[in-house]
Protein backbone atom coordinates (compact mmCIF):
# COMPACT_ATOMS: atom_id res chain seq x y z
CA UNK A 1 87.13 77.52 89.79
CA UNK A 2 88.83 80.13 87.53
CA UNK A 3 90.12 79.17 84.35
CA UNK A 4 94.29 79.57 85.74
CA UNK A 5 93.09 76.40 88.05
CA UNK A 6 92.53 74.54 85.19
CA UNK A 7 94.11 72.07 82.53
CA UNK A 8 92.95 72.44 79.19
CA UNK A 9 95.00 71.75 76.71
CA UNK A 10 95.04 67.76 75.49
CA UNK A 11 98.52 67.87 75.00
CA UNK A 12 98.78 68.24 79.37
CA UNK A 13 96.44 65.51 79.47
CA UNK A 14 98.23 63.71 77.92
CA UNK A 15 101.77 64.53 79.33
CA UNK A 16 99.61 64.41 82.57
CA UNK A 17 98.19 61.20 81.88
CA UNK A 18 101.29 59.14 80.95
CA UNK A 19 104.03 60.52 82.96
CA UNK A 20 101.54 60.75 86.58
CA UNK A 21 100.82 58.48 89.32
CA UNK A 22 97.12 56.85 89.27
CA UNK A 23 94.02 56.88 91.88
CA UNK A 24 90.26 55.42 91.26
CA UNK A 25 87.51 54.17 93.33
CA UNK A 26 84.06 53.58 91.94
CA UNK A 27 83.35 57.42 90.74
CA UNK A 28 86.49 59.06 89.30
CA UNK A 29 89.94 58.05 88.15
CA UNK A 30 92.94 60.62 89.48
CA UNK A 31 95.92 60.85 87.44
CA UNK A 32 98.17 63.51 89.61
CA UNK A 33 101.39 64.64 90.06
CA UNK A 34 103.91 67.71 91.61
CA UNK A 35 102.60 70.52 90.41
CA UNK A 36 104.33 72.71 87.46
CA UNK A 37 103.30 76.49 88.60
CA UNK A 38 102.45 78.49 91.41
CA UNK A 39 98.72 76.91 91.79
CA UNK A 40 97.61 73.63 91.54
CA UNK A 41 95.48 73.30 88.39
CA UNK A 42 92.59 70.06 88.17
CA UNK A 43 91.47 68.64 84.83
CA UNK A 44 87.98 67.26 84.31
CA UNK A 45 86.86 64.94 81.05
CA UNK A 46 84.56 61.70 80.99
CA UNK A 47 82.95 59.37 78.06
CA UNK A 48 80.49 60.25 75.57
CA UNK A 49 78.80 57.45 76.66
CA UNK A 50 77.37 59.77 80.24
CA UNK A 51 74.98 60.99 78.31
CA UNK A 52 74.94 64.00 76.14
CA UNK A 53 76.09 67.45 76.02
CA UNK A 54 73.89 69.20 78.88
CA UNK A 55 74.55 65.89 80.31
CA UNK A 56 78.51 66.23 80.39
CA UNK A 57 78.45 70.11 81.14
CA UNK A 58 76.10 69.16 84.10
CA UNK A 59 78.29 67.05 85.86
CA UNK A 60 81.54 68.59 84.64
CA UNK A 61 79.74 71.43 86.78
CA UNK A 62 79.22 69.25 89.84
CA UNK A 63 82.68 68.33 89.74
CA UNK A 64 84.31 71.68 89.40
CA UNK A 65 82.40 72.65 92.25
CA UNK A 66 83.09 70.30 94.37
CA UNK A 67 87.06 70.75 93.43
CA UNK A 68 86.05 74.21 94.87
CA UNK A 69 84.81 73.44 97.93
CA UNK A 70 87.96 71.14 98.47
CA UNK A 71 90.74 72.44 97.21
CA UNK A 72 92.24 75.27 98.34
CA UNK A 73 94.84 75.66 94.57
CA UNK A 74 97.32 78.18 96.15
CA UNK A 75 98.46 75.09 98.96
CA UNK A 76 97.63 71.89 96.52
CA UNK A 77 100.85 70.34 95.89
CA UNK A 78 100.00 68.40 92.58
CA UNK A 79 98.52 68.79 89.68
CA UNK A 80 94.91 66.66 88.79
CA UNK A 81 93.52 65.27 86.02
CA UNK A 82 89.71 64.08 86.85
CA UNK A 83 88.07 61.18 84.40
CA UNK A 84 84.78 61.49 85.39
CA UNK A 85 83.17 57.20 85.12
CA UNK A 86 80.00 55.77 84.76
CA UNK A 87 79.39 54.83 88.41
CA UNK A 88 79.20 58.96 89.29
CA UNK A 89 75.11 58.29 87.78
CA UNK A 90 74.49 55.88 90.84
CA UNK A 91 75.33 57.52 94.06
CA UNK A 92 74.51 61.37 94.92
CA UNK A 93 75.99 64.36 95.43
CA UNK A 94 76.78 64.03 98.91
CA UNK A 95 78.77 60.56 98.17
CA UNK A 96 80.03 61.49 94.99
CA UNK A 97 81.86 64.70 97.54
CA UNK A 98 83.00 62.15 99.59
CA UNK A 99 84.43 59.89 97.28
CA UNK A 100 86.63 62.87 95.64
CA UNK A 101 87.65 64.25 98.71
CA UNK A 102 89.31 60.88 99.80
CA UNK A 103 91.05 60.55 96.19
CA UNK A 104 92.46 64.09 97.46
CA UNK A 105 93.32 62.99 100.06
CA UNK A 106 95.12 59.59 98.77
CA UNK A 107 97.17 62.21 96.03
CA UNK A 108 98.69 64.22 99.30
CA UNK A 109 99.06 61.38 101.59
CA UNK A 110 101.04 59.33 98.91
């Protein structure tokens, strides 16, 4: 996922979380709002309870790859903040990818 397609600033995270709609499942909490730039952006965050830095970075890399495979950033209509839940560790990569795909589809329908 390219850097231009990521939400990186804390202020942007907070503004999206406070103004956006919310959708959840056992692996993710997703906040989504209409995009403000040409391409959609995705921000990924997770708690320190998920593990040490190495484990958290592994999870973020996996989620970034899932987003890159599932999303066409030029045509996707929303900016998204993904919060990874502790239930992510209980599922396989493919199960988590399916959960994320369902949430992304739900966001475009709503």
